[in-house]
Amino acid sequence: MSIRMLIVALGACAMLSPAAAQTAGQISLKSVSVNLPNADRAFPGGHDADATKRNCLVCHSAGMLLTQPALSKAQWQAEIDKMRVVYKAPVDPKDFDAIVAYLISINAANFER
């Protein structure tokens, strides 16, 4: 089972609470469909691509990150902080600045200053 499939399965299980799942002693399950980004994409080269690969590909595909809107440095810092603090992402603190710089650089053409 791939990591992505495991994450989707765990998320689906987490959404089923005992109170919501039981109606008159019966359990009701609902099928859902999830469209994931194309996993065949790879990060373009660059000085900081390795730090981004090491830290971000644990949870995200390259395609998902490459299709994000262009954000400012402060916005990317806030996003990465959210991933670390709220979602407990294993982001190495020494790679933080490199990841921010890389994410800005891959979307630099789209970012309006």
N, C-alpha and C. Protein backbone atom coordinates (compact mmCIF):
# COMPACT_ATOMS: atom_id res chain seq x y z
N MET A 1 0.86 -1.17 0.00
CA MET A 1 0.00 0.00 0.00
C MET A 1 0.90 1.23 0.00
N SER A 2 0.62 2.17 -0.86
CA SER A 2 1.42 3.39 -0.92
C SER A 2 1.11 4.28 0.28
N ILE A 3 2.01 5.19 0.55
CA ILE A 3 1.82 6.13 1.66
C ILE A 3 0.57 6.96 1.42
N ARG A 4 0.35 7.40 0.19
CA ARG A 4 -0.81 8.23 -0.14
C ARG A 4 -2.10 7.48 0.15
N MET A 5 -2.14 6.20 -0.25
CA MET A 5 -3.35 5.40 -0.01
C MET A 5 -3.57 5.20 1.48
N LEU A 6 -2.49 5.00 2.23
CA LEU A 6 -2.60 4.84 3.67
C LEU A 6 -3.14 6.10 4.33
N ILE A 7 -2.65 7.26 3.89
CA ILE A 7 -3.11 8.53 4.46
C ILE A 7 -4.60 8.72 4.17
N VAL A 8 -5.03 8.42 2.95
CA VAL A 8 -6.44 8.57 2.60
C VAL A 8 -7.29 7.61 3.44
N ALA A 9 -6.82 6.38 3.61
CA ALA A 9 -7.57 5.40 4.39
C ALA A 9 -7.67 5.82 5.86
N LEU A 10 -6.55 6.29 6.42
CA LEU A 10 -6.57 6.74 7.80
C LEU A 10 -7.49 7.95 7.99
N GLY A 11 -7.46 8.86 7.03
CA GLY A 11 -8.34 10.03 7.10
C GLY A 11 -9.80 9.64 7.05
N ALA A 12 -10.12 8.67 6.21
CA ALA A 12 -11.51 8.21 6.11
C ALA A 12 -11.95 7.56 7.41
N CYS A 13 -11.07 6.79 8.01
CA CYS A 13 -11.40 6.14 9.29
C CYS A 13 -11.57 7.17 10.40
N ALA A 14 -10.74 8.19 10.39
CA ALA A 14 -10.80 9.21 11.44
C ALA A 14 -12.11 10.00 11.38
N MET A 15 -12.68 10.10 10.19
CA MET A 15 -13.91 10.87 10.05
C MET A 15 -15.12 10.12 10.61
N LEU A 16 -14.99 8.84 10.83
CA LEU A 16 -16.11 8.06 11.35
C LEU A 16 -16.04 8.04 12.87
N SER A 17 -16.88 8.80 13.50
CA SER A 17 -16.95 8.77 14.96
C SER A 17 -18.01 7.75 15.36
N PRO A 18 -17.88 7.14 16.54
CA PRO A 18 -18.89 6.16 16.97
C PRO A 18 -20.29 6.74 16.99
N ALA A 19 -20.43 8.00 17.42
CA ALA A 19 -21.77 8.59 17.49
C ALA A 19 -22.36 8.80 16.10
N ALA A 20 -21.55 9.23 15.17
CA ALA A 20 -22.05 9.51 13.83
C ALA A 20 -22.25 8.23 13.03
N ALA A 21 -21.47 7.20 13.33
CA ALA A 21 -21.51 5.98 12.53
C ALA A 21 -22.68 5.08 12.91
N GLN A 22 -23.17 5.18 14.11
CA GLN A 22 -24.23 4.28 14.55
C GLN A 22 -25.59 4.98 14.51
N THR A 23 -26.48 4.38 13.76
CA THR A 23 -27.85 4.86 13.70
C THR A 23 -28.73 3.65 13.96
N ALA A 24 -29.41 3.67 15.09
CA ALA A 24 -30.29 2.56 15.47
C ALA A 24 -29.54 1.23 15.44
N GLY A 25 -28.29 1.23 15.92
CA GLY A 25 -27.50 0.00 15.99
C GLY A 25 -26.85 -0.40 14.69
N GLN A 26 -26.99 0.39 13.64
CA GLN A 26 -26.39 0.06 12.36
C GLN A 26 -25.24 1.01 12.06
N ILE A 27 -24.29 0.51 11.33
CA ILE A 27 -23.18 1.35 10.88
C ILE A 27 -23.39 1.66 9.42
N SER A 28 -23.27 2.93 9.09
CA SER A 28 -23.47 3.37 7.72
C SER A 28 -22.14 3.91 7.18
N LEU A 29 -21.67 3.36 6.09
CA LEU A 29 -20.43 3.82 5.45
C LEU A 29 -20.77 4.49 4.13
N LYS A 30 -20.00 5.49 3.80
CA LYS A 30 -20.21 6.22 2.56
C LYS A 30 -18.92 6.22 1.76
N SER A 31 -19.00 5.85 0.49
CA SER A 31 -17.83 5.89 -0.38
C SER A 31 -17.55 7.33 -0.78
N VAL A 32 -16.28 7.66 -0.82
CA VAL A 32 -15.88 9.00 -1.26
C VAL A 32 -14.84 8.86 -2.36
N SER A 33 -14.72 9.90 -3.13
CA SER A 33 -13.73 9.94 -4.20
C SER A 33 -12.79 11.11 -3.94
N VAL A 34 -11.51 10.86 -4.05
CA VAL A 34 -10.52 11.90 -3.82
C VAL A 34 -9.64 12.00 -5.06
N ASN A 35 -9.52 13.20 -5.61
CA ASN A 35 -8.65 13.42 -6.75
C ASN A 35 -7.31 13.95 -6.24
N LEU A 36 -6.26 13.19 -6.43
CA LEU A 36 -4.93 13.58 -5.99
C LEU A 36 -4.14 14.12 -7.18
N PRO A 37 -3.20 15.04 -6.91
CA PRO A 37 -2.38 15.57 -8.00
C PRO A 37 -1.56 14.46 -8.65
N ASN A 38 -1.18 14.69 -9.88
CA ASN A 38 -0.34 13.76 -10.62
C ASN A 38 0.98 13.55 -9.89
N ALA A 39 1.28 12.31 -9.54
CA ALA A 39 2.49 12.01 -8.78
C ALA A 39 3.71 11.83 -9.68
N ASP A 40 3.55 11.96 -10.98
CA ASP A 40 4.66 11.76 -11.90
C ASP A 40 5.54 12.99 -12.07
N ARG A 41 5.10 14.13 -11.54
CA ARG A 41 5.87 15.36 -11.67
C ARG A 41 7.04 15.35 -10.70
N ALA A 42 8.08 16.08 -11.06
CA ALA A 42 9.27 16.19 -10.20
C ALA A 42 9.62 17.66 -10.03
N PHE A 43 10.29 17.97 -8.93
CA PHE A 43 10.72 19.34 -8.71
C PHE A 43 11.79 19.71 -9.73
N PRO A 44 11.69 20.94 -10.28
CA PRO A 44 12.78 21.40 -11.13
C PRO A 44 14.03 21.56 -10.27
N GLY A 45 15.19 21.46 -10.89
CA GLY A 45 16.44 21.60 -10.15
C GLY A 45 16.54 22.96 -9.48
N GLY A 46 17.53 23.10 -8.71
CA GLY A 46 17.72 24.35 -7.99
C GLY A 46 18.50 24.08 -6.73
N HIS A 47 19.13 25.10 -6.23
CA HIS A 47 20.00 24.96 -5.06
C HIS A 47 19.28 24.37 -3.86
N ASP A 48 18.03 24.71 -3.64
CA ASP A 48 17.32 24.28 -2.44
C ASP A 48 16.33 23.14 -2.68
N ALA A 49 16.36 22.55 -3.86
CA ALA A 49 15.39 21.48 -4.16
C ALA A 49 15.57 20.28 -3.24
N ASP A 50 16.79 19.94 -2.87
CA ASP A 50 17.01 18.76 -2.02
C ASP A 50 16.34 18.90 -0.67
N ALA A 51 16.44 20.06 -0.04
CA ALA A 51 15.80 20.28 1.27
C ALA A 51 14.29 20.15 1.14
N THR A 52 13.74 20.65 0.06
CA THR A 52 12.29 20.58 -0.17
C THR A 52 11.88 19.13 -0.39
N LYS A 53 12.66 18.40 -1.16
CA LYS A 53 12.35 16.98 -1.38
C LYS A 53 12.40 16.20 -0.07
N ARG A 54 13.43 16.42 0.71
CA ARG A 54 13.59 15.68 1.98
C ARG A 54 12.44 15.92 2.94
N ASN A 55 11.95 17.13 3.00
CA ASN A 55 10.97 17.50 4.01
C ASN A 55 9.53 17.47 3.53
N CYS A 56 9.28 17.89 2.31
CA CYS A 56 7.90 18.08 1.85
C CYS A 56 7.30 16.85 1.19
N LEU A 57 8.15 16.02 0.55
CA LEU A 57 7.62 14.86 -0.15
C LEU A 57 7.17 13.76 0.80
N VAL A 58 7.41 13.93 2.09
CA VAL A 58 6.90 12.97 3.07
C VAL A 58 5.38 12.97 3.04
N CYS A 59 4.78 14.14 2.87
CA CYS A 59 3.31 14.27 2.88
C CYS A 59 2.72 14.71 1.55
N HIS A 60 3.48 15.44 0.74
CA HIS A 60 2.95 16.04 -0.49
C HIS A 60 3.66 15.49 -1.72
N SER A 61 2.95 15.44 -2.83
CA SER A 61 3.59 15.13 -4.11
C SER A 61 4.21 16.40 -4.65
N ALA A 62 5.19 16.24 -5.52
CA ALA A 62 5.78 17.41 -6.17
C ALA A 62 4.70 18.16 -6.95
N GLY A 63 3.81 17.43 -7.60
CA GLY A 63 2.74 18.06 -8.36
C GLY A 63 1.85 18.95 -7.51
N MET A 64 1.59 18.52 -6.29
CA MET A 64 0.76 19.34 -5.40
C MET A 64 1.46 20.66 -5.08
N LEU A 65 2.73 20.59 -4.75
CA LEU A 65 3.46 21.81 -4.41
C LEU A 65 3.67 22.70 -5.63
N LEU A 66 3.88 22.10 -6.79
CA LEU A 66 4.13 22.89 -8.00
C LEU A 66 2.88 23.59 -8.50
N THR A 67 1.72 23.21 -8.02
CA THR A 67 0.48 23.86 -8.47
C THR A 67 -0.07 24.84 -7.44
N GLN A 68 0.68 25.12 -6.40
CA GLN A 68 0.25 26.10 -5.40
C GLN A 68 0.38 27.51 -5.96
N PRO A 69 -0.43 28.42 -5.46
CA PRO A 69 -0.30 29.81 -5.93
C PRO A 69 1.02 30.40 -5.45
N ALA A 70 1.48 31.41 -6.15
CA ALA A 70 2.71 32.10 -5.76
C ALA A 70 2.44 32.86 -4.47
N LEU A 71 3.23 32.58 -3.46
CA LEU A 71 3.08 33.24 -2.17
C LEU A 71 4.33 34.03 -1.84
N SER A 72 4.19 35.00 -0.97
CA SER A 72 5.34 35.78 -0.52
C SER A 72 6.16 34.96 0.48
N LYS A 73 7.32 35.48 0.83
CA LYS A 73 8.18 34.80 1.81
C LYS A 73 7.43 34.63 3.13
N ALA A 74 6.79 35.66 3.61
CA ALA A 74 6.06 35.58 4.88
C ALA A 74 4.92 34.56 4.81
N GLN A 75 4.24 34.49 3.67
CA GLN A 75 3.14 33.53 3.52
C GLN A 75 3.66 32.10 3.52
N TRP A 76 4.79 31.84 2.81
CA TRP A 76 5.36 30.49 2.80
C TRP A 76 5.86 30.12 4.19
N GLN A 77 6.47 31.07 4.90
CA GLN A 77 6.93 30.79 6.26
C GLN A 77 5.75 30.39 7.15
N ALA A 78 4.65 31.10 7.00
CA ALA A 78 3.45 30.79 7.79
C ALA A 78 2.90 29.41 7.43
N GLU A 79 2.91 29.07 6.15
CA GLU A 79 2.42 27.76 5.72
C GLU A 79 3.28 26.64 6.28
N ILE A 80 4.59 26.80 6.22
CA ILE A 80 5.49 25.78 6.74
C ILE A 80 5.37 25.68 8.26
N ASP A 81 5.24 26.81 8.93
CA ASP A 81 5.02 26.79 10.38
C ASP A 81 3.73 26.04 10.71
N LYS A 82 2.68 26.27 9.92
CA LYS A 82 1.41 25.57 10.14
C LYS A 82 1.60 24.06 9.98
N MET A 83 2.35 23.66 8.96
CA MET A 83 2.60 22.23 8.74
C MET A 83 3.34 21.63 9.94
N ARG A 84 4.32 22.35 10.47
CA ARG A 84 5.10 21.85 11.60
C ARG A 84 4.29 21.81 12.89
N VAL A 85 3.61 22.92 13.20
CA VAL A 85 2.94 23.06 14.49
C VAL A 85 1.58 22.36 14.52
N VAL A 86 0.75 22.62 13.54
CA VAL A 86 -0.61 22.08 13.55
C VAL A 86 -0.63 20.61 13.11
N TYR A 87 0.06 20.30 12.01
CA TYR A 87 0.00 18.95 11.46
C TYR A 87 1.18 18.08 11.88
N LYS A 88 2.09 18.63 12.68
CA LYS A 88 3.25 17.89 13.20
C LYS A 88 4.13 17.32 12.09
N ALA A 89 4.27 18.06 11.00
CA ALA A 89 5.13 17.63 9.90
C ALA A 89 6.58 17.60 10.36
N PRO A 90 7.32 16.58 9.98
CA PRO A 90 8.71 16.45 10.41
C PRO A 90 9.65 17.31 9.58
N VAL A 91 9.48 18.61 9.64
CA VAL A 91 10.33 19.54 8.89
C VAL A 91 11.57 19.83 9.73
N ASP A 92 12.74 19.57 9.14
CA ASP A 92 14.00 19.82 9.83
C ASP A 92 14.22 21.33 9.92
N PRO A 93 14.36 21.88 11.13
CA PRO A 93 14.52 23.33 11.29
C PRO A 93 15.69 23.91 10.48
N LYS A 94 16.74 23.15 10.28
CA LYS A 94 17.88 23.67 9.50
C LYS A 94 17.54 23.82 8.02
N ASP A 95 16.48 23.18 7.56
CA ASP A 95 16.07 23.28 6.16
C ASP A 95 14.98 24.32 5.92
N PHE A 96 14.47 24.93 6.98
CA PHE A 96 13.34 25.85 6.88
C PHE A 96 13.58 26.96 5.85
N ASP A 97 14.70 27.70 5.99
CA ASP A 97 14.97 28.82 5.08
C ASP A 97 15.17 28.35 3.64
N ALA A 98 15.81 27.20 3.47
CA ALA A 98 16.04 26.67 2.13
C ALA A 98 14.72 26.29 1.46
N ILE A 99 13.79 25.73 2.23
CA ILE A 99 12.49 25.36 1.67
C ILE A 99 11.72 26.61 1.25
N VAL A 100 11.71 27.61 2.11
CA VAL A 100 11.01 28.86 1.79
C VAL A 100 11.60 29.47 0.51
N ALA A 101 12.92 29.55 0.45
CA ALA A 101 13.58 30.14 -0.73
C ALA A 101 13.24 29.36 -1.99
N TYR A 102 13.22 28.04 -1.90
CA TYR A 102 12.92 27.22 -3.07
C TYR A 102 11.48 27.40 -3.53
N LEU A 103 10.54 27.37 -2.57
CA LEU A 103 9.13 27.52 -2.95
C LEU A 103 8.86 28.89 -3.59
N ILE A 104 9.56 29.90 -3.11
CA ILE A 104 9.43 31.22 -3.74
C ILE A 104 10.02 31.19 -5.14
N SER A 105 11.18 30.56 -5.30
CA SER A 105 11.87 30.57 -6.59
C SER A 105 11.10 29.83 -7.68
N ILE A 106 10.40 28.74 -7.33
CA ILE A 106 9.70 28.00 -8.39
C ILE A 106 8.44 28.72 -8.85
N ASN A 107 7.97 29.68 -8.08
CA ASN A 107 6.79 30.46 -8.46
C ASN A 107 7.10 31.93 -8.68
N ALA A 108 8.38 32.28 -8.77
CA ALA A 108 8.79 33.69 -8.88
C ALA A 108 8.15 34.41 -10.06
N ALA A 109 7.99 33.71 -11.16
CA ALA A 109 7.42 34.35 -12.35
C ALA A 109 5.97 34.74 -12.14
N ASN A 110 5.28 34.02 -11.25
CA ASN A 110 3.86 34.30 -11.02
C ASN A 110 3.61 35.26 -9.89
N PHE A 111 4.64 35.57 -9.10
CA PHE A 111 4.45 36.40 -7.91
C PHE A 111 4.53 37.87 -8.29
N GLU A 112 3.48 38.61 -7.97
CA GLU A 112 3.47 40.04 -8.23
C GLU A 112 3.94 40.76 -6.98
N ARG A 113 5.01 41.49 -7.08
CA ARG A 113 5.58 42.19 -5.92
C ARG A 113 4.86 43.49 -5.67
